C-alpha atoms as a PDB file:
ATOM      1  CA  UNK A   1      54.544  33.086   5.640  1.00  0.00           C
ATOM      2  CA  UNK A   2      53.511  32.578   2.553  1.00  0.00           C
ATOM      3  CA  UNK A   3      56.152  29.902   3.485  1.00  0.00           C
ATOM      4  CA  UNK A   4      53.813  28.187   5.666  1.00  0.00           C
ATOM      5  CA  UNK A   5      50.293  28.607   4.573  1.00  0.00           C
ATOM      6  CA  UNK A   6      51.859  27.264   0.943  1.00  0.00           C
ATOM      7  CA  UNK A   7      52.221  24.357   2.680  1.00  0.00           C
ATOM      8  CA  UNK A   8      50.887  24.724   5.757  1.00  0.00           C
ATOM      9  CA  UNK A   9      51.463  21.829   9.234  1.00  0.00           C
ATOM     10  CA  UNK A  10      49.897  18.167   9.022  1.00  0.00           C
ATOM     11  CA  UNK A  11      48.020  19.709  11.502  1.00  0.00           C
ATOM     12  CA  UNK A  12      46.410  21.748   9.425  1.00  0.00           C
ATOM     13  CA  UNK A  13      43.505  21.746   7.368  1.00  0.00           C
ATOM     14  CA  UNK A  14      42.862  23.078   3.847  1.00  0.00           C
ATOM     15  CA  UNK A  15      38.509  23.375   2.712  1.00  0.00           C
ATOM     16  CA  UNK A  16      37.539  26.327   0.770  1.00  0.00           C
ATOM     17  CA  UNK A  17      40.573  28.418   0.868  1.00  0.00           C
ATOM     18  CA  UNK A  18      39.858  27.792   4.771  1.00  0.00           C
ATOM     19  CA  UNK A  19      42.347  26.818   7.049  1.00  0.00           C
ATOM     20  CA  UNK A  20      41.226  24.420  10.261  1.00  0.00           C
ATOM     21  CA  UNK A  21      43.362  24.429  13.324  1.00  0.00           C
ATOM     22  CA  UNK A  22      43.975  21.689  15.367  1.00  0.00           C
ATOM     23  CA  UNK A  23      41.571  24.533  18.118  1.00  0.00           C
ATOM     24  CA  UNK A  24      38.316  23.299  15.317  1.00  0.00           C
ATOM     25  CA  UNK A  25      39.097  27.384  14.578  1.00  0.00           C
ATOM     26  CA  UNK A  26      38.419  27.843  11.555  1.00  0.00           C
ATOM     27  CA  UNK A  27      40.783  31.064   9.587  1.00  0.00           C
ATOM     28  CA  UNK A  28      41.235  32.943   5.683  1.00  0.00           C
ATOM     29  CA  UNK A  29      44.046  34.982   5.174  1.00  0.00           C
ATOM     30  CA  UNK A  30      44.260  38.041   2.695  1.00  0.00           C
ATOM     31  CA  UNK A  31      47.476  38.897   0.876  1.00  0.00           C
ATOM     32  CA  UNK A  32      47.851  42.946  -0.546  1.00  0.00           C
ATOM     33  CA  UNK A  33      50.038  44.966  -1.908  1.00  0.00           C
ATOM     34  CA  UNK A  34      50.223  48.214  -0.048  1.00  0.00           C
ATOM     35  CA  UNK A  35      52.720  51.019  -0.571  1.00  0.00           C
ATOM     36  CA  UNK A  36      55.033  52.454   2.510  1.00  0.00           C
ATOM     37  CA  UNK A  37      56.631  56.349   1.595  1.00  0.00           C
ATOM     38  CA  UNK A  38      55.952  56.389  -1.550  1.00  0.00           C
ATOM     39  CA  UNK A  39      57.513  52.174  -1.586  1.00  0.00           C
ATOM     40  CA  UNK A  40      55.613  49.977  -3.746  1.00  0.00           C
ATOM     41  CA  UNK A  41      56.389  46.095  -2.984  1.00  0.00           C
ATOM     42  CA  UNK A  42      55.586  45.758   0.550  1.00  0.00           C
ATOM     43  CA  UNK A  43      52.919  42.916   1.249  1.00  0.00           C
ATOM     44  CA  UNK A  44      50.340  42.697   3.698  1.00  0.00           C
ATOM     45  CA  UNK A  45      48.661  39.613   5.069  1.00  0.00           C
ATOM     46  CA  UNK A  46      45.556  39.457   7.144  1.00  0.00           C
ATOM     47  CA  UNK A  47      44.033  36.164   9.097  1.00  0.00           C
ATOM     48  CA  UNK A  48      40.037  36.858   9.219  1.00  0.00           C
ATOM     49  CA  UNK A  49      38.590  34.301  11.699  1.00  0.00           C
ATOM     50  CA  UNK A  50      35.291  33.114   9.565  1.00  0.00           C
ATOM     51  CA  UNK A  51      35.076  30.104  11.906  1.00  0.00           C
ATOM     52  CA  UNK A  52      31.249  30.619  12.758  1.00  0.00           C
ATOM     53  CA  UNK A  53      30.825  31.335   9.147  1.00  0.00           C
ATOM     54  CA  UNK A  54      32.296  28.850   7.555  1.00  0.00           C
ATOM     55  CA  UNK A  55      30.761  25.948  10.468  1.00  0.00           C
ATOM     56  CA  UNK A  56      27.637  27.253   9.323  1.00  0.00           C
ATOM     57  CA  UNK A  57      27.892  27.574   5.603  1.00  0.00           C
ATOM     58  CA  UNK A  58      28.623  23.799   6.414  1.00  0.00           C
ATOM     59  CA  UNK A  59      26.052  22.832   8.415  1.00  0.00           C
ATOM     60  CA  UNK A  60      23.828  24.592   5.524  1.00  0.00           C
ATOM     61  CA  UNK A  61      25.905  21.903   3.565  1.00  0.00           C
ATOM     62  CA  UNK A  62      24.386  19.385   5.719  1.00  0.00           C
ATOM     63  CA  UNK A  63      20.680  19.804   5.357  1.00  0.00           C
ATOM     64  CA  UNK A  64      20.800  20.998   1.463  1.00  0.00           C
ATOM     65  CA  UNK A  65      22.253  17.116   0.928  1.00  0.00           C
ATOM     66  CA  UNK A  66      19.288  16.121   4.045  1.00  0.00           C
ATOM     67  CA  UNK A  67      17.143  17.947   1.269  1.00  0.00           C
ATOM     68  CA  UNK A  68      18.036  16.900  -1.704  1.00  0.00           C
ATOM     69  CA  UNK A  69      17.291  13.205   0.461  1.00  0.00           C
ATOM     70  CA  UNK A  70      14.148  13.178   1.499  1.00  0.00           C
ATOM     71  CA  UNK A  71      13.407  15.246  -2.274  1.00  0.00           C
ATOM     72  CA  UNK A  72      14.599  12.098  -3.894  1.00  0.00           C
ATOM     73  CA  UNK A  73      12.505   9.823  -1.371  1.00  0.00           C
ATOM     74  CA  UNK A  74       9.638  11.794  -1.931  1.00  0.00           C
ATOM     75  CA  UNK A  75       9.709  12.054  -5.498  1.00  0.00           C
ATOM     76  CA  UNK A  76      10.404   8.285  -5.976  1.00  0.00           C
ATOM     77  CA  UNK A  77       6.857   7.965  -3.118  1.00  0.00           C
ATOM     78  CA  UNK A  78       4.987   9.980  -4.935  1.00  0.00           C
ATOM     79  CA  UNK A  79       5.592   7.703  -8.373  1.00  0.00           C
ATOM     80  CA  UNK A  80       4.528   4.603  -6.158  1.00  0.00           C
ATOM     81  CA  UNK A  81       1.144   6.030  -4.641  1.00  0.00           C
ATOM     82  CA  UNK A  82       0.843   6.788  -8.682  1.00  0.00           C
ATOM     83  CA  UNK A  83       1.847   3.074  -9.632  1.00  0.00           C
ATOM     84  CA  UNK A  84      -0.350   2.291  -6.511  1.00  0.00           C
ATOM     85  CA  UNK A  85      -3.151   3.935  -7.094  1.00  0.00           C
ATOM     86  CA  UNK A  86      -3.433   3.089 -10.878  1.00  0.00           C
ATOM     87  CA  UNK A  87      -2.561  -0.619  -9.588  1.00  0.00           C
ATOM     88  CA  UNK A  88      -6.264  -0.616  -7.089  1.00  0.00           C
ATOM     89  CA  UNK A  89      -8.807   0.913  -9.595  1.00  0.00           C
ATOM     90  CA  UNK A  90      -7.219  -1.435 -11.909  1.00  0.00           C
ATOM     91  CA  UNK A  91      -8.049  -3.546  -9.536  1.00  0.00           C
ATOM     92  CA  UNK A  92     -10.905  -2.301  -8.343  1.00  0.00           C
ATOM     93  CA  UNK A  93     -12.367  -2.378 -11.744  1.00  0.00           C
ATOM     94  CA  UNK A  94     -11.540  -5.913 -12.384  1.00  0.00           C
ATOM     95  CA  UNK A  95     -13.365  -6.921  -8.596  1.00  0.00           C
ATOM     96  CA  UNK A  96     -16.192  -5.071  -9.670  1.00  0.00           C
ATOM     97  CA  UNK A  97     -16.902  -6.996 -13.432  1.00  0.00           C
ATOM     98  CA  UNK A  98     -15.824  -9.903 -11.947  1.00  0.00           C
ATOM     99  CA  UNK A  99     -18.334  -9.144  -9.216  1.00  0.00           C
ATOM    100  CA  UNK A 100     -21.230  -8.345 -11.678  1.00  0.00           C
ATOM    101  CA  UNK A 101     -20.336 -10.597 -14.085  1.00  0.00           C
ATOM    102  CA  UNK A 102     -20.444 -13.476 -11.350  1.00  0.00           C
ATOM    103  CA  UNK A 103     -24.259 -12.195  -9.567  1.00  0.00           C
ATOM    104  CA  UNK A 104     -25.487 -12.092 -12.990  1.00  0.00           C
ATOM    105  CA  UNK A 105     -24.385 -15.563 -14.181  1.00  0.00           C
ATOM    106  CA  UNK A 106     -25.680 -17.369 -10.984  1.00  0.00           C
ATOM    107  CA  UNK A 107     -29.215 -15.128 -10.913  1.00  0.00           C
ATOM    108  CA  UNK A 108     -29.417 -16.369 -14.428  1.00  0.00           C
ATOM    109  CA  UNK A 109     -29.096 -19.324 -13.020  1.00  0.00           C
ATOM    110  CA  UNK A 110     -31.540 -19.242  -9.773  1.00  0.00           C
ATOM    111  CA  UNK A 111     -34.192 -18.468 -12.349  1.00  0.00           C
ATOM    112  CA  UNK A 112     -33.635 -21.155 -14.684  1.00  0.00           C
ATOM    113  CA  UNK A 113     -33.563 -24.138 -11.839  1.00  0.00           C
ATOM    114  CA  UNK A 114     -36.285 -22.459  -9.667  1.00  0.00           C
ATOM    115  CA  UNK A 115     -39.662 -20.965 -11.339  1.00  0.00           C
ATOM    116  CA  UNK A 116     -40.291 -19.323  -7.307  1.00  0.00           C
ATOM    117  CA  UNK A 117     -40.671 -15.627  -7.458  1.00  0.00           C
ATOM    118  CA  UNK A 118     -39.273 -15.324 -10.586  1.00  0.00           C
ATOM    119  CA  UNK A 119     -40.316 -11.165 -10.556  1.00  0.00           C
ATOM    120  CA  UNK A 120     -37.413 -11.453  -7.905  1.00  0.00           C
ATOM    121  CA  UNK A 121     -34.584 -12.305  -9.831  1.00  0.00           C
ATOM    122  CA  UNK A 122     -36.213 -10.857 -12.271  1.00  0.00           C
ATOM    123  CA  UNK A 123     -35.158  -7.689 -10.969  1.00  0.00           C
ATOM    124  CA  UNK A 124     -32.107  -8.591  -8.810  1.00  0.00           C
ATOM    125  CA  UNK A 125     -30.740  -9.636 -12.933  1.00  0.00           C
ATOM    126  CA  UNK A 126     -32.231  -6.335 -14.514  1.00  0.00           C
ATOM    127  CA  UNK A 127     -29.975  -4.585 -11.479  1.00  0.00           C
ATOM    128  CA  UNK A 128     -26.612  -6.496 -12.114  1.00  0.00           C
ATOM    129  CA  UNK A 129     -27.040  -5.990 -15.279  1.00  0.00           C
ATOM    130  CA  UNK A 130     -27.748  -2.574 -15.801  1.00  0.00           C
ATOM    131  CA  UNK A 131     -24.844  -1.449 -12.910  1.00  0.00           C
ATOM    132  CA  UNK A 132     -22.307  -3.760 -15.607  1.00  0.00           C
ATOM    133  CA  UNK A 133     -23.409  -1.787 -18.537  1.00  0.00           C
ATOM    134  CA  UNK A 134     -23.731   1.730 -16.509  1.00  0.00           C
ATOM    135  CA  UNK A 135     -20.897   3.934 -14.835  1.00  0.00           C
ATOM    136  CA  UNK A 136     -19.336   2.223 -12.065  1.00  0.00           C
ATOM    137  CA  UNK A 137     -20.543   2.473  -8.184  1.00  0.00           C
ATOM    138  CA  UNK A 138     -19.711   1.499  -5.246  1.00  0.00           C
ATOM    139  CA  UNK A 139     -19.465  -2.088  -4.383  1.00  0.00           C
ATOM    140  CA  UNK A 140     -20.616  -4.011  -1.711  1.00  0.00           C
ATOM    141  CA  UNK A 141     -19.302  -3.300   1.533  1.00  0.00           C
ATOM    142  CA  UNK A 142     -20.627  -4.069   4.092  1.00  0.00           C
ATOM    143  CA  UNK A 143     -20.908  -8.049   5.112  1.00  0.00           C
ATOM    144  CA  UNK A 144     -24.834  -7.298   5.795  1.00  0.00           C
ATOM    145  CA  UNK A 145     -25.433  -6.341   2.382  1.00  0.00           C
ATOM    146  CA  UNK A 146     -23.226  -9.648   1.457  1.00  0.00           C
ATOM    147  CA  UNK A 147     -25.353 -11.546   3.534  1.00  0.00           C
ATOM    148  CA  UNK A 148     -28.769  -9.968   1.867  1.00  0.00           C
ATOM    149  CA  UNK A 149     -27.149 -10.037  -1.583  1.00  0.00           C
ATOM    150  CA  UNK A 150     -26.578 -14.077  -1.214  1.00  0.00           C
ATOM    151  CA  UNK A 151     -29.481 -14.182   0.296  1.00  0.00           C
ATOM    152  CA  UNK A 152     -31.031 -13.618  -3.214  1.00  0.00           C
ATOM    153  CA  UNK A 153     -28.679 -16.286  -4.867  1.00  0.00           C
ATOM    154  CA  UNK A 154     -30.518 -19.391  -2.488  1.00  0.00           C
ATOM    155  CA  UNK A 155     -27.063 -18.524  -0.480  1.00  0.00           C
ATOM    156  CA  UNK A 156     -27.090 -18.649   3.337  1.00  0.00           C
ATOM    157  CA  UNK A 157     -24.008 -16.949   5.442  1.00  0.00           C
ATOM    158  CA  UNK A 158     -23.501 -17.728   8.394  1.00  0.00           C
ATOM    159  CA  UNK A 159     -20.250 -16.058  11.422  1.00  0.00           C
ATOM    160  CA  UNK A 160     -18.700 -16.888  13.581  1.00  0.00           C
ATOM    161  CA  UNK A 161     -17.270 -13.883  15.874  1.00  0.00           C
ATOM    162  CA  UNK A 162     -17.002  -9.841  14.804  1.00  0.00           C
ATOM    163  CA  UNK A 163     -14.715  -7.496  12.685  1.00  0.00           C
ATOM    164  CA  UNK A 164     -15.146  -3.265  13.766  1.00  0.00           C
ATOM    165  CA  UNK A 165     -16.989  -1.539  10.830  1.00  0.00           C
ATOM    166  CA  UNK A 166     -15.131   0.416   8.116  1.00  0.00           C
ATOM    167  CA  UNK A 167     -10.982  -0.417   9.015  1.00  0.00           C
ATOM    168  CA  UNK A 168      -9.220  -2.411   5.942  1.00  0.00           C
ATOM    169  CA  UNK A 169     -10.065  -5.840   7.795  1.00  0.00           C
ATOM    170  CA  UNK A 170     -13.788  -5.508   7.402  1.00  0.00           C
ATOM    171  CA  UNK A 171     -13.313  -4.819   3.554  1.00  0.00           C
ATOM    172  CA  UNK A 172     -11.041  -7.414   2.545  1.00  0.00           C
ATOM    173  CA  UNK A 173     -12.777 -10.282   4.618  1.00  0.00           C
ATOM    174  CA  UNK A 174     -16.081  -8.817   2.626  1.00  0.00           C
ATOM    175  CA  UNK A 175     -14.144  -8.801  -0.804  1.00  0.00           C
ATOM    176  CA  UNK A 176     -13.566 -12.980   0.073  1.00  0.00           C
ATOM    177  CA  UNK A 177     -16.734 -13.255   1.458  1.00  0.00           C
ATOM    178  CA  UNK A 178     -18.134 -12.607  -1.881  1.00  0.00           C
ATOM    179  CA  UNK A 179     -15.907 -14.380  -3.848  1.00  0.00           C
ATOM    180  CA  UNK A 180     -16.456 -17.670  -1.489  1.00  0.00           C
ATOM    181  CA  UNK A 181     -20.399 -16.971  -2.077  1.00  0.00           C
ATOM    182  CA  UNK A 182     -19.506 -16.951  -5.930  1.00  0.00           C
ATOM    183  CA  UNK A 183     -17.535 -19.706  -6.604  1.00  0.00           C
ATOM    184  CA  UNK A 184     -19.238 -21.770  -3.610  1.00  0.00           C
ATOM    185  CA  UNK A 185     -22.510 -21.597  -6.205  1.00  0.00           C
ATOM    186  CA  UNK A 186     -20.952 -22.066  -9.520  1.00  0.00           C
ATOM    187  CA  UNK A 187     -18.081 -24.453  -8.282  1.00  0.00           C
ATOM    188  CA  UNK A 188     -19.826 -25.814  -5.249  1.00  0.00           C
ATOM    189  CA  UNK A 189     -23.293 -26.119  -6.012  1.00  0.00           C
ATOM    190  CA  UNK A 190     -23.395 -25.550  -2.318  1.00  0.00           C
ATOM    191  CA  UNK A 191     -25.732 -23.530  -0.580  1.00  0.00           C
ATOM    192  CA  UNK A 192     -24.423 -22.290   3.215  1.00  0.00           C
ATOM    193  CA  UNK A 193     -20.518 -20.073   3.543  1.00  0.00           C
ATOM    194  CA  UNK A 194     -19.578 -21.066   6.938  1.00  0.00           C
ATOM    195  CA  UNK A 195     -17.438 -17.941   7.771  1.00  0.00           C
ATOM    196  CA  UNK A 196     -15.523 -17.970  11.344  1.00  0.00           C
ATOM    197  CA  UNK A 197     -13.667 -14.760  12.637  1.00  0.00           C
ATOM    198  CA  UNK A 198     -11.339 -15.066  15.270  1.00  0.00           C
ATOM    199  CA  UNK A 199      -9.095 -12.296  16.466  1.00  0.00           C
ATOM    200  CA  UNK A 200      -4.639 -13.079  17.653  1.00  0.00           C
ATOM    201  CA  UNK A 201      -3.181 -10.257  18.864  1.00  0.00           C
ATOM    202  CA  UNK A 202      -2.749  -7.553  16.757  1.00  0.00           C
ATOM    203  CA  UNK A 203      -4.847  -9.737  13.980  1.00  0.00           C
ATOM    204  CA  UNK A 204      -7.528 -11.146  12.112  1.00  0.00           C
ATOM    205  CA  UNK A 205      -7.781 -14.498  11.374  1.00  0.00           C
ATOM    206  CA  UNK A 206     -10.682 -15.824   9.418  1.00  0.00           C
ATOM    207  CA  UNK A 207     -11.398 -18.461   7.860  1.00  0.00           C
ATOM    208  CA  UNK A 208     -13.947 -19.205   4.703  1.00  0.00           C
ATOM    209  CA  UNK A 209     -15.556 -22.357   3.952  1.00  0.00           C
ATOM    210  CA  UNK A 210     -18.857 -24.192   2.367  1.00  0.00           C
ATOM    211  CA  UNK A 211     -21.556 -27.549   2.657  1.00  0.00           C
ATOM    212  CA  UNK A 212     -20.434 -27.713  -1.465  1.00  0.00           C
ATOM    213  CA  UNK A 213     -18.715 -30.421  -2.953  1.00  0.00           C
ATOM    214  CA  UNK A 214     -15.982 -31.585  -2.354  1.00  0.00           C
ATOM    215  CA  UNK A 215     -12.472 -30.171  -4.481  1.00  0.00           C
ATOM    216  CA  UNK A 216     -10.690 -33.385  -6.026  1.00  0.00           C
ATOM    217  CA  UNK A 217      -7.862 -31.018  -7.162  1.00  0.00           C
ATOM    218  CA  UNK A 218      -5.664 -28.249  -5.594  1.00  0.00           C
ATOM    219  CA  UNK A 219      -7.629 -24.811  -6.669  1.00  0.00           C
ATOM    220  CA  UNK A 220      -6.755 -23.210  -9.673  1.00  0.00           C
ATOM    221  CA  UNK A 221      -7.027 -19.567  -8.653  1.00  0.00           C
ATOM    222  CA  UNK A 222      -8.633 -17.146 -11.796  1.00  0.00           C
ATOM    223  CA  UNK A 223      -9.222 -13.727 -11.928  1.00  0.00           C
ATOM    224  CA  UNK A 224     -11.296 -13.343  -8.397  1.00  0.00           C
ATOM    225  CA  UNK A 225      -9.206 -15.128  -6.361  1.00  0.00           C
ATOM    226  CA  UNK A 226      -5.954 -13.615  -7.400  1.00  0.00           C
ATOM    227  CA  UNK A 227      -6.916 -10.007  -6.753  1.00  0.00           C
ATOM    228  CA  UNK A 228      -8.122 -10.640  -3.512  1.00  0.00           C
ATOM    229  CA  UNK A 229      -4.590 -12.640  -3.195  1.00  0.00           C
ATOM    230  CA  UNK A 230      -2.916  -9.138  -4.395  1.00  0.00           C
ATOM    231  CA  UNK A 231      -5.659  -6.842  -2.281  1.00  0.00           C
ATOM    232  CA  UNK A 232      -4.491  -9.275   1.156  1.00  0.00           C
ATOM    233  CA  UNK A 233      -0.752  -9.321   0.641  1.00  0.00           C
ATOM    234  CA  UNK A 234      -0.451  -5.354  -0.277  1.00  0.00           C
ATOM    235  CA  UNK A 235      -2.439  -4.989   3.355  1.00  0.00           C
ATOM    236  CA  UNK A 236       0.570  -7.015   5.229  1.00  0.00           C
ATOM    237  CA  UNK A 237      -2.099 -10.744   4.798  1.00  0.00           C
ATOM    238  CA  UNK A 238      -2.030 -13.559   4.338  1.00  0.00           C
ATOM    239  CA  UNK A 239      -3.546 -15.865   1.594  1.00  0.00           C
ATOM    240  CA  UNK A 240      -4.261 -19.783   1.715  1.00  0.00           C
ATOM    241  CA  UNK A 241      -6.545 -21.671   0.101  1.00  0.00           C
ATOM    242  CA  UNK A 242      -7.144 -25.520   1.284  1.00  0.00           C
ATOM    243  CA  UNK A 243      -8.836 -27.968  -0.871  1.00  0.00           C
ATOM    244  CA  UNK A 244      -8.584 -30.803   1.578  1.00  0.00           C
ATOM    245  CA  UNK A 245     -10.386 -32.478   3.543  1.00  0.00           C
ATOM    246  CA  UNK A 246     -12.699 -29.995   2.625  1.00  0.00           C
ATOM    247  CA  UNK A 247     -12.988 -26.019   0.568  1.00  0.00           C
ATOM    248  CA  UNK A 248     -11.159 -23.508   3.234  1.00  0.00           C
ATOM    249  CA  UNK A 249     -10.236 -19.699   2.278  1.00  0.00           C
ATOM    250  CA  UNK A 250      -7.377 -18.597   4.928  1.00  0.00           C
ATOM    251  CA  UNK A 251      -6.787 -15.201   5.176  1.00  0.00           C
ATOM    252  CA  UNK A 252      -4.750 -13.102   8.408  1.00  0.00           C
ATOM    253  CA  UNK A 253      -5.282  -9.916   8.377  1.00  0.00           C
ATOM    254  CA  UNK A 254      -3.597  -7.040  10.508  1.00  0.00           C
ATOM    255  CA  UNK A 255      -5.656  -5.383  12.868  1.00  0.00           C
ATOM    256  CA  UNK A 256      -4.327  -1.857  12.150  1.00  0.00           C
ATOM    257  CA  UNK A 257      -3.950  -0.672   8.579  1.00  0.00           C
ATOM    258  CA  UNK A 258      -0.545  -0.228   7.848  1.00  0.00           C
ATOM    259  CA  UNK A 259       0.776   3.241   7.185  1.00  0.00           C
ATOM    260  CA  UNK A 260       2.735   5.029   4.255  1.00  0.00           C
END
């Protein structure tokens, strides 16, 4: 018996002091010295069927491995989320500063160019400077507010199409519209911005143009456009800029928000 246990048949698997037989039953063998009629030279070998216990242990090991893998993925996800949150906060702050400074500069230029309604424009300028100097506040979040702000700066925003409210698609389009209004005045000397929105399956195609000067060379992305691109691409969208035959910002945004 001892020889059979020390050198079992090839069909028997030995693992963790357990013998796994071809029929998938699992056995443990115990050897102990016993005394028979005052003779201490006897040994007793007992066999225990531990199939259920062994299978339960193996299952627990598998569960532990799965949990360890889940924990590893969770730690990685949390680290990524933390970085994403920090990055988004940084990008949001850059957008806020860019928008506020842009609006301030445009309002100053507007005041210099025209003496009409100067009091209203000064109030808008004080507003912008006040926001920049104070704690950060919520930025423009709807297209209606973009249109009102642009109108204060002498730019008419004309929209063809519809986006559902309070969605990532609206938020990104609003950010794109704000950027294009600012750049229209600063670089193109225009006073009209056109936004065309079309739904294509599960995506929105948004094209933004203006009536300003036609660019003479490819558009160089500054901090505003670069930040906008990163926001759009991180949401699963695409962004393209054309300068010929005239300036056009083309973005494609998923209709449904991406989930982690």
